[in-house]
Amino acid sequence: MAHHKSSIKRIRQTAKKRDQNRYYAKTTRNVVAKLRTTADKSEAEKLLPQVVSKLDKLAKRNQIHWKKAANLKSSLAVHVSKLK
């Protein structure tokens, strides 16, 4: 157990931030998986901007590297364009 007030506050802040980070990362993974399994092109085209936005937000928060976000966006865009 921490003894300093600042340590106790830091533990609280870290726990809150960890929960937020897990939420954002998990929801993004779920949306990416949903987009990859979508077979309907019109639905995928509606979903793509949402996925891109979520990936950009993760990259902005440094939860994922900005190049990983770019690679995911590119591969998902190619996937959507190949749908019939």
PDB file of N, CA and C in Angstrom:
ATOM      1  N   MET A   1       0.832  -1.179   0.000  1.00  0.00           N
ATOM      2  CA  MET A   1       0.000   0.000   0.000  1.00  0.00           C
ATOM      3  C   MET A   1       0.878   1.244   0.000  1.00  0.00           C
ATOM      4  N   ALA A   2       0.494   2.193  -0.795  1.00  0.00           N
ATOM      5  CA  ALA A   2       1.253   3.435  -0.879  1.00  0.00           C
ATOM      6  C   ALA A   2       1.051   4.270   0.385  1.00  0.00           C
ATOM      7  N   HIS A   3       2.077   5.025   0.735  1.00  0.00           N
ATOM      8  CA  HIS A   3       2.015   5.824   1.953  1.00  0.00           C
ATOM      9  C   HIS A   3       1.899   7.317   1.669  1.00  0.00           C
ATOM     10  N   HIS A   4       2.285   7.751   0.503  1.00  0.00           N
ATOM     11  CA  HIS A   4       2.254   9.172   0.173  1.00  0.00           C
ATOM     12  C   HIS A   4       0.959   9.519  -0.549  1.00  0.00           C
ATOM     13  N   LYS A   5       0.502  10.748  -0.307  1.00  0.00           N
ATOM     14  CA  LYS A   5      -0.728  11.185  -0.959  1.00  0.00           C
ATOM     15  C   LYS A   5      -0.579  11.157  -2.481  1.00  0.00           C
ATOM     16  N   SER A   6       0.588  11.567  -2.955  1.00  0.00           N
ATOM     17  CA  SER A   6       0.804  11.606  -4.400  1.00  0.00           C
ATOM     18  C   SER A   6       0.811  10.201  -5.000  1.00  0.00           C
ATOM     19  N   SER A   7       1.326   9.240  -4.252  1.00  0.00           N
ATOM     20  CA  SER A   7       1.332   7.852  -4.723  1.00  0.00           C
ATOM     21  C   SER A   7      -0.076   7.294  -4.795  1.00  0.00           C
ATOM     22  N   ILE A   8      -0.882   7.615  -3.808  1.00  0.00           N
ATOM     23  CA  ILE A   8      -2.267   7.146  -3.782  1.00  0.00           C
ATOM     24  C   ILE A   8      -3.038   7.743  -4.961  1.00  0.00           C
ATOM     25  N   LYS A   9      -2.806   9.034  -5.204  1.00  0.00           N
ATOM     26  CA  LYS A   9      -3.473   9.693  -6.336  1.00  0.00           C
ATOM     27  C   LYS A   9      -3.009   9.083  -7.649  1.00  0.00           C
ATOM     28  N   ARG A  10      -1.723   8.814  -7.768  1.00  0.00           N
ATOM     29  CA  ARG A  10      -1.174   8.236  -8.999  1.00  0.00           C
ATOM     30  C   ARG A  10      -1.784   6.858  -9.255  1.00  0.00           C
ATOM     31  N   ILE A  11      -1.972   6.064  -8.226  1.00  0.00           N
ATOM     32  CA  ILE A  11      -2.596   4.746  -8.367  1.00  0.00           C
ATOM     33  C   ILE A  11      -4.024   4.892  -8.875  1.00  0.00           C
ATOM     34  N   ARG A  12      -4.771   5.866  -8.303  1.00  0.00           N
ATOM     35  CA  ARG A  12      -6.128   6.125  -8.764  1.00  0.00           C
ATOM     36  C   ARG A  12      -6.153   6.535 -10.228  1.00  0.00           C
ATOM     37  N   GLN A  13      -5.271   7.463 -10.596  1.00  0.00           N
ATOM     38  CA  GLN A  13      -5.230   7.958 -11.980  1.00  0.00           C
ATOM     39  C   GLN A  13      -4.867   6.842 -12.953  1.00  0.00           C
ATOM     40  N   THR A  14      -3.906   6.022 -12.565  1.00  0.00           N
ATOM     41  CA  THR A  14      -3.454   4.943 -13.440  1.00  0.00           C
ATOM     42  C   THR A  14      -4.569   3.931 -13.677  1.00  0.00           C
ATOM     43  N   ALA A  15      -5.293   3.596 -12.628  1.00  0.00           N
ATOM     44  CA  ALA A  15      -6.389   2.633 -12.767  1.00  0.00           C
ATOM     45  C   ALA A  15      -7.474   3.176 -13.687  1.00  0.00           C
ATOM     46  N   LYS A  16      -7.807   4.453 -13.529  1.00  0.00           N
ATOM     47  CA  LYS A  16      -8.831   5.065 -14.364  1.00  0.00           C
ATOM     48  C   LYS A  16      -8.378   5.098 -15.821  1.00  0.00           C
ATOM     49  N   LYS A  17      -7.128   5.484 -16.046  1.00  0.00           N
ATOM     50  CA  LYS A  17      -6.603   5.579 -17.404  1.00  0.00           C
ATOM     51  C   LYS A  17      -6.524   4.197 -18.052  1.00  0.00           C
ATOM     52  N   ARG A  18      -6.142   3.188 -17.279  1.00  0.00           N
ATOM     53  CA  ARG A  18      -6.055   1.827 -17.802  1.00  0.00           C
ATOM     54  C   ARG A  18      -7.415   1.336 -18.270  1.00  0.00           C
ATOM     55  N   ASP A  19      -8.455   1.617 -17.487  1.00  0.00           N
ATOM     56  CA  ASP A  19      -9.811   1.224 -17.879  1.00  0.00           C
ATOM     57  C   ASP A  19     -10.243   1.924 -19.164  1.00  0.00           C
ATOM     58  N   GLN A  20      -9.943   3.219 -19.262  1.00  0.00           N
ATOM     59  CA  GLN A  20     -10.294   3.963 -20.472  1.00  0.00           C
ATOM     60  C   GLN A  20      -9.551   3.414 -21.688  1.00  0.00           C
ATOM     61  N   ASN A  21      -8.258   3.170 -21.523  1.00  0.00           N
ATOM     62  CA  ASN A  21      -7.449   2.663 -22.630  1.00  0.00           C
ATOM     63  C   ASN A  21      -7.933   1.294 -23.090  1.00  0.00           C
ATOM     64  N   ARG A  22      -8.271   0.437 -22.144  1.00  0.00           N
ATOM     65  CA  ARG A  22      -8.771  -0.889 -22.493  1.00  0.00           C
ATOM     66  C   ARG A  22     -10.087  -0.794 -23.250  1.00  0.00           C
ATOM     67  N   TYR A  23     -10.954   0.124 -22.825  1.00  0.00           N
ATOM     68  CA  TYR A  23     -12.237   0.308 -23.495  1.00  0.00           C
ATOM     69  C   TYR A  23     -12.038   0.753 -24.936  1.00  0.00           C
ATOM     70  N   TYR A  24     -11.221   1.785 -25.148  1.00  0.00           N
ATOM     71  CA  TYR A  24     -11.009   2.299 -26.500  1.00  0.00           C
ATOM     72  C   TYR A  24     -10.359   1.247 -27.401  1.00  0.00           C
ATOM     73  N   ALA A  25      -9.373   0.534 -26.884  1.00  0.00           N
ATOM     74  CA  ALA A  25      -8.683  -0.470 -27.688  1.00  0.00           C
ATOM     75  C   ALA A  25      -9.624  -1.622 -28.037  1.00  0.00           C
ATOM     76  N   LYS A  26     -10.411  -2.066 -27.081  1.00  0.00           N
ATOM     77  CA  LYS A  26     -11.304  -3.204 -27.306  1.00  0.00           C
ATOM     78  C   LYS A  26     -12.412  -2.849 -28.295  1.00  0.00           C
ATOM     79  N   THR A  27     -13.008  -1.669 -28.151  1.00  0.00           N
ATOM     80  CA  THR A  27     -14.078  -1.294 -29.074  1.00  0.00           C
ATOM     81  C   THR A  27     -13.521  -1.136 -30.494  1.00  0.00           C
ATOM     82  N   THR A  28     -12.307  -0.635 -30.606  1.00  0.00           N
ATOM     83  CA  THR A  28     -11.701  -0.500 -31.932  1.00  0.00           C
ATOM     84  C   THR A  28     -11.447  -1.875 -32.542  1.00  0.00           C
ATOM     85  N   ARG A  29     -10.930  -2.792 -31.751  1.00  0.00           N
ATOM     86  CA  ARG A  29     -10.698  -4.156 -32.256  1.00  0.00           C
ATOM     87  C   ARG A  29     -11.995  -4.803 -32.700  1.00  0.00           C
ATOM     88  N   ASN A  30     -13.070  -4.586 -31.940  1.00  0.00           N
ATOM     89  CA  ASN A  30     -14.361  -5.162 -32.294  1.00  0.00           C
ATOM     90  C   ASN A  30     -14.878  -4.602 -33.607  1.00  0.00           C
ATOM     91  N   VAL A  31     -14.730  -3.293 -33.815  1.00  0.00           N
ATOM     92  CA  VAL A  31     -15.224  -2.672 -35.041  1.00  0.00           C
ATOM     93  C   VAL A  31     -14.390  -3.123 -36.243  1.00  0.00           C
ATOM     94  N   VAL A  32     -13.083  -3.263 -36.044  1.00  0.00           N
ATOM     95  CA  VAL A  32     -12.218  -3.747 -37.130  1.00  0.00           C
ATOM     96  C   VAL A  32     -12.616  -5.173 -37.506  1.00  0.00           C
ATOM     97  N   ALA A  33     -12.853  -6.012 -36.511  1.00  0.00           N
ATOM     98  CA  ALA A  33     -13.258  -7.391 -36.787  1.00  0.00           C
ATOM     99  C   ALA A  33     -14.609  -7.431 -37.492  1.00  0.00           C
ATOM    100  N   LYS A  34     -15.519  -6.560 -37.078  1.00  0.00           N
ATOM    101  CA  LYS A  34     -16.835  -6.506 -37.715  1.00  0.00           C
ATOM    102  C   LYS A  34     -16.699  -6.099 -39.174  1.00  0.00           C
ATOM    103  N   LEU A  35     -15.828  -5.136 -39.449  1.00  0.00           N
ATOM    104  CA  LEU A  35     -15.612  -4.692 -40.829  1.00  0.00           C
ATOM    105  C   LEU A  35     -14.999  -5.805 -41.669  1.00  0.00           C
ATOM    106  N   ARG A  36     -14.065  -6.532 -41.097  1.00  0.00           N
ATOM    107  CA  ARG A  36     -13.406  -7.610 -41.855  1.00  0.00           C
ATOM    108  C   ARG A  36     -14.365  -8.753 -42.175  1.00  0.00           C
ATOM    109  N   THR A  37     -15.345  -8.986 -41.319  1.00  0.00           N
ATOM    110  CA  THR A  37     -16.269 -10.091 -41.560  1.00  0.00           C
ATOM    111  C   THR A  37     -17.481  -9.679 -42.389  1.00  0.00           C
ATOM    112  N   THR A  38     -17.623  -8.383 -42.641  1.00  0.00           N
ATOM    113  CA  THR A  38     -18.757  -7.898 -43.410  1.00  0.00           C
ATOM    114  C   THR A  38     -18.591  -8.283 -44.877  1.00  0.00           C
ATOM    115  N   ALA A  39     -19.636  -8.852 -45.450  1.00  0.00           N
ATOM    116  CA  ALA A  39     -19.596  -9.255 -46.857  1.00  0.00           C
ATOM    117  C   ALA A  39     -20.338  -8.271 -47.751  1.00  0.00           C
ATOM    118  N   ASP A  40     -21.148  -7.412 -47.170  1.00  0.00           N
ATOM    119  CA  ASP A  40     -21.935  -6.448 -47.931  1.00  0.00           C
ATOM    120  C   ASP A  40     -21.118  -5.172 -48.143  1.00  0.00           C
ATOM    121  N   LYS A  41     -20.923  -4.794 -49.399  1.00  0.00           N
ATOM    122  CA  LYS A  41     -20.076  -3.651 -49.708  1.00  0.00           C
ATOM    123  C   LYS A  41     -20.657  -2.337 -49.192  1.00  0.00           C
ATOM    124  N   SER A  42     -21.950  -2.133 -49.328  1.00  0.00           N
ATOM    125  CA  SER A  42     -22.535  -0.869 -48.882  1.00  0.00           C
ATOM    126  C   SER A  42     -22.418  -0.702 -47.369  1.00  0.00           C
ATOM    127  N   GLU A  43     -22.612  -1.795 -46.640  1.00  0.00           N
ATOM    128  CA  GLU A  43     -22.476  -1.729 -45.187  1.00  0.00           C
ATOM    129  C   GLU A  43     -21.022  -1.474 -44.788  1.00  0.00           C
ATOM    130  N   ALA A  44     -20.108  -2.113 -45.507  1.00  0.00           N
ATOM    131  CA  ALA A  44     -18.686  -1.927 -45.219  1.00  0.00           C
ATOM    132  C   ALA A  44     -18.251  -0.489 -45.505  1.00  0.00           C
ATOM    133  N   GLU A  45     -18.790   0.101 -46.566  1.00  0.00           N
ATOM    134  CA  GLU A  45     -18.440   1.489 -46.881  1.00  0.00           C
ATOM    135  C   GLU A  45     -18.972   2.455 -45.821  1.00  0.00           C
ATOM    136  N   LYS A  46     -20.095   2.131 -45.197  1.00  0.00           N
ATOM    137  CA  LYS A  46     -20.607   2.960 -44.106  1.00  0.00           C
ATOM    138  C   LYS A  46     -19.747   2.805 -42.854  1.00  0.00           C
ATOM    139  N   LEU A  47     -19.242   1.599 -42.645  1.00  0.00           N
ATOM    140  CA  LEU A  47     -18.487   1.294 -41.441  1.00  0.00           C
ATOM    141  C   LEU A  47     -17.048   1.800 -41.508  1.00  0.00           C
ATOM    142  N   LEU A  48     -16.495   1.895 -42.706  1.00  0.00           N
ATOM    143  CA  LEU A  48     -15.078   2.253 -42.863  1.00  0.00           C
ATOM    144  C   LEU A  48     -14.725   3.604 -42.231  1.00  0.00           C
ATOM    145  N   PRO A  49     -15.485   4.681 -42.442  1.00  0.00           N
ATOM    146  CA  PRO A  49     -15.108   5.954 -41.809  1.00  0.00           C
ATOM    147  C   PRO A  49     -15.093   5.891 -40.280  1.00  0.00           C
ATOM    148  N   GLN A  50     -15.990   5.108 -39.695  1.00  0.00           N
ATOM    149  CA  GLN A  50     -15.996   4.958 -38.241  1.00  0.00           C
ATOM    150  C   GLN A  50     -14.731   4.260 -37.764  1.00  0.00           C
ATOM    151  N   VAL A  51     -14.326   3.217 -38.495  1.00  0.00           N
ATOM    152  CA  VAL A  51     -13.128   2.471 -38.125  1.00  0.00           C
ATOM    153  C   VAL A  51     -11.894   3.355 -38.260  1.00  0.00           C
ATOM    154  N   VAL A  52     -11.829   4.112 -39.341  1.00  0.00           N
ATOM    155  CA  VAL A  52     -10.693   5.009 -39.564  1.00  0.00           C
ATOM    156  C   VAL A  52     -10.599   6.038 -38.443  1.00  0.00           C
ATOM    157  N   SER A  53     -11.743   6.562 -38.047  1.00  0.00           N
ATOM    158  CA  SER A  53     -11.768   7.541 -36.963  1.00  0.00           C
ATOM    159  C   SER A  53     -11.255   6.937 -35.661  1.00  0.00           C
ATOM    160  N   LYS A  54     -11.709   5.738 -35.348  1.00  0.00           N
ATOM    161  CA  LYS A  54     -11.270   5.087 -34.108  1.00  0.00           C
ATOM    162  C   LYS A  54      -9.774   4.789 -34.136  1.00  0.00           C
ATOM    163  N   LEU A  55      -9.253   4.344 -35.286  1.00  0.00           N
ATOM    164  CA  LEU A  55      -7.822   4.075 -35.392  1.00  0.00           C
ATOM    165  C   LEU A  55      -7.010   5.357 -35.250  1.00  0.00           C
ATOM    166  N   ASP A  56      -7.498   6.443 -35.839  1.00  0.00           N
ATOM    167  CA  ASP A  56      -6.802   7.720 -35.709  1.00  0.00           C
ATOM    168  C   ASP A  56      -6.766   8.184 -34.259  1.00  0.00           C
ATOM    169  N   LYS A  57      -7.853   7.970 -33.540  1.00  0.00           N
ATOM    170  CA  LYS A  57      -7.890   8.367 -32.131  1.00  0.00           C
ATOM    171  C   LYS A  57      -6.910   7.548 -31.305  1.00  0.00           C
ATOM    172  N   LEU A  58      -6.815   6.242 -31.585  1.00  0.00           N
ATOM    173  CA  LEU A  58      -5.843   5.413 -30.862  1.00  0.00           C
ATOM    174  C   LEU A  58      -4.424   5.863 -31.161  1.00  0.00           C
ATOM    175  N   ALA A  59      -4.162   6.210 -32.411  1.00  0.00           N
ATOM    176  CA  ALA A  59      -2.822   6.668 -32.782  1.00  0.00           C
ATOM    177  C   ALA A  59      -2.522   8.017 -32.129  1.00  0.00           C
ATOM    178  N   LYS A  60      -3.523   8.884 -32.056  1.00  0.00           N
ATOM    179  CA  LYS A  60      -3.336  10.198 -31.439  1.00  0.00           C
ATOM    180  C   LYS A  60      -3.012  10.057 -29.956  1.00  0.00           C
ATOM    181  N   ARG A  61      -3.614   9.076 -29.313  1.00  0.00           N
ATOM    182  CA  ARG A  61      -3.366   8.837 -27.888  1.00  0.00           C
ATOM    183  C   ARG A  61      -2.119   7.996 -27.650  1.00  0.00           C
ATOM    184  N   ASN A  62      -1.428   7.614 -28.704  1.00  0.00           N
ATOM    185  CA  ASN A  62      -0.230   6.775 -28.628  1.00  0.00           C
ATOM    186  C   ASN A  62      -0.519   5.407 -28.030  1.00  0.00           C
ATOM    187  N   GLN A  63      -1.733   4.906 -28.222  1.00  0.00           N
ATOM    188  CA  GLN A  63      -2.034   3.546 -27.796  1.00  0.00           C
ATOM    189  C   GLN A  63      -1.551   2.557 -28.834  1.00  0.00           C
ATOM    190  N   ILE A  64      -1.585   2.949 -30.094  1.00  0.00           N
ATOM    191  CA  ILE A  64      -0.962   2.167 -31.146  1.00  0.00           C
ATOM    192  C   ILE A  64      -0.075   3.121 -31.935  1.00  0.00           C
ATOM    193  N   HIS A  65       0.922   2.576 -32.589  1.00  0.00           N
ATOM    194  CA  HIS A  65       1.833   3.397 -33.382  1.00  0.00           C
ATOM    195  C   HIS A  65       1.086   3.955 -34.583  1.00  0.00           C
ATOM    196  N   TRP A  66       1.438   5.157 -34.983  1.00  0.00           N
ATOM    197  CA  TRP A  66       0.720   5.799 -36.087  1.00  0.00           C
ATOM    198  C   TRP A  66       0.902   5.047 -37.394  1.00  0.00           C
ATOM    199  N   LYS A  67       2.033   4.345 -37.543  1.00  0.00           N
ATOM    200  CA  LYS A  67       2.229   3.569 -38.775  1.00  0.00           C
ATOM    201  C   LYS A  67       1.372   2.308 -38.761  1.00  0.00           C
ATOM    202  N   LYS A  68       1.166   1.724 -37.586  1.00  0.00           N
ATOM    203  CA  LYS A  68       0.266   0.570 -37.497  1.00  0.00           C
ATOM    204  C   LYS A  68      -1.151   0.987 -37.856  1.00  0.00           C
ATOM    205  N   ALA A  69      -1.565   2.164 -37.377  1.00  0.00           N
ATOM    206  CA  ALA A  69      -2.890   2.676 -37.724  1.00  0.00           C
ATOM    207  C   ALA A  69      -2.994   2.879 -39.229  1.00  0.00           C
ATOM    208  N   ALA A  70      -1.949   3.428 -39.830  1.00  0.00           N
ATOM    209  CA  ALA A  70      -1.959   3.660 -41.279  1.00  0.00           C
ATOM    210  C   ALA A  70      -2.034   2.339 -42.036  1.00  0.00           C
ATOM    211  N   ASN A  71      -1.297   1.345 -41.583  1.00  0.00           N
ATOM    212  CA  ASN A  71      -1.315   0.039 -42.243  1.00  0.00           C
ATOM    213  C   ASN A  71      -2.688  -0.616 -42.122  1.00  0.00           C
ATOM    214  N   LEU A  72      -3.297  -0.516 -40.955  1.00  0.00           N
ATOM    215  CA  LEU A  72      -4.630  -1.086 -40.774  1.00  0.00           C
ATOM    216  C   LEU A  72      -5.655  -0.377 -41.653  1.00  0.00           C
ATOM    217  N   LYS A  73      -5.597   0.950 -41.687  1.00  0.00           N
ATOM    218  CA  LYS A  73      -6.545   1.707 -42.515  1.00  0.00           C
ATOM    219  C   LYS A  73      -6.387   1.332 -43.983  1.00  0.00           C
ATOM    220  N   SER A  74      -5.152   1.195 -44.422  1.00  0.00           N
ATOM    221  CA  SER A  74      -4.893   0.858 -45.818  1.00  0.00           C
ATOM    222  C   SER A  74      -5.421  -0.534 -46.152  1.00  0.00           C
ATOM    223  N   SER A  75      -5.119  -1.509 -45.297  1.00  0.00           N
ATOM    224  CA  SER A  75      -5.559  -2.877 -45.574  1.00  0.00           C
ATOM    225  C   SER A  75      -7.076  -2.995 -45.517  1.00  0.00           C
ATOM    226  N   LEU A  76      -7.712  -2.245 -44.627  1.00  0.00           N
ATOM    227  CA  LEU A  76      -9.174  -2.287 -44.545  1.00  0.00           C
ATOM    228  C   LEU A  76      -9.803  -1.609 -45.760  1.00  0.00           C
ATOM    229  N   ALA A  77      -9.186  -0.532 -46.225  1.00  0.00           N
ATOM    230  CA  ALA A  77      -9.703   0.143 -47.426  1.00  0.00           C
ATOM    231  C   ALA A  77      -9.606  -0.771 -48.640  1.00  0.00           C
ATOM    232  N   VAL A  78      -8.507  -1.509 -48.744  1.00  0.00           N
ATOM    233  CA  VAL A  78      -8.349  -2.470 -49.838  1.00  0.00           C
ATOM    234  C   VAL A  78      -9.405  -3.572 -49.710  1.00  0.00           C
ATOM    235  N   HIS A  79      -9.635  -4.038 -48.503  1.00  0.00           N
ATOM    236  CA  HIS A  79     -10.634  -5.085 -48.274  1.00  0.00           C
ATOM    237  C   HIS A  79     -12.012  -4.609 -48.707  1.00  0.00           C
ATOM    238  N   VAL A  80     -12.371  -3.382 -48.356  1.00  0.00           N
ATOM    239  CA  VAL A  80     -13.687  -2.846 -48.717  1.00  0.00           C
ATOM    240  C   VAL A  80     -13.800  -2.674 -50.224  1.00  0.00           C
ATOM    241  N   SER A  81     -12.738  -2.233 -50.859  1.00  0.00           N
ATOM    242  CA  SER A  81     -12.793  -1.999 -52.313  1.00  0.00           C
ATOM    243  C   SER A  81     -12.913  -3.313 -53.085  1.00  0.00           C
ATOM    244  N   LYS A  82     -12.428  -4.410 -52.506  1.00  0.00           N
ATOM    245  CA  LYS A  82     -12.508  -5.699 -53.210  1.00  0.00           C
ATOM    246  C   LYS A  82     -13.846  -6.399 -53.022  1.00  0.00           C
ATOM    247  N   LEU A  83     -14.668  -5.897 -52.108  1.00  0.00           N
ATOM    248  CA  LEU A  83     -15.974  -6.519 -51.908  1.00  0.00           C
ATOM    249  C   LEU A  83     -16.870  -6.296 -53.118  1.00  0.00           C
ATOM    250  N   LYS A  84     -17.806  -7.221 -53.297  1.00  0.00           N
ATOM    251  CA  LYS A  84     -18.727  -7.102 -54.430  1.00  0.00           C
ATOM    252  C   LYS A  84     -20.110  -6.774 -53.968  1.00  0.00           C
TER     253      LYS A  84
END
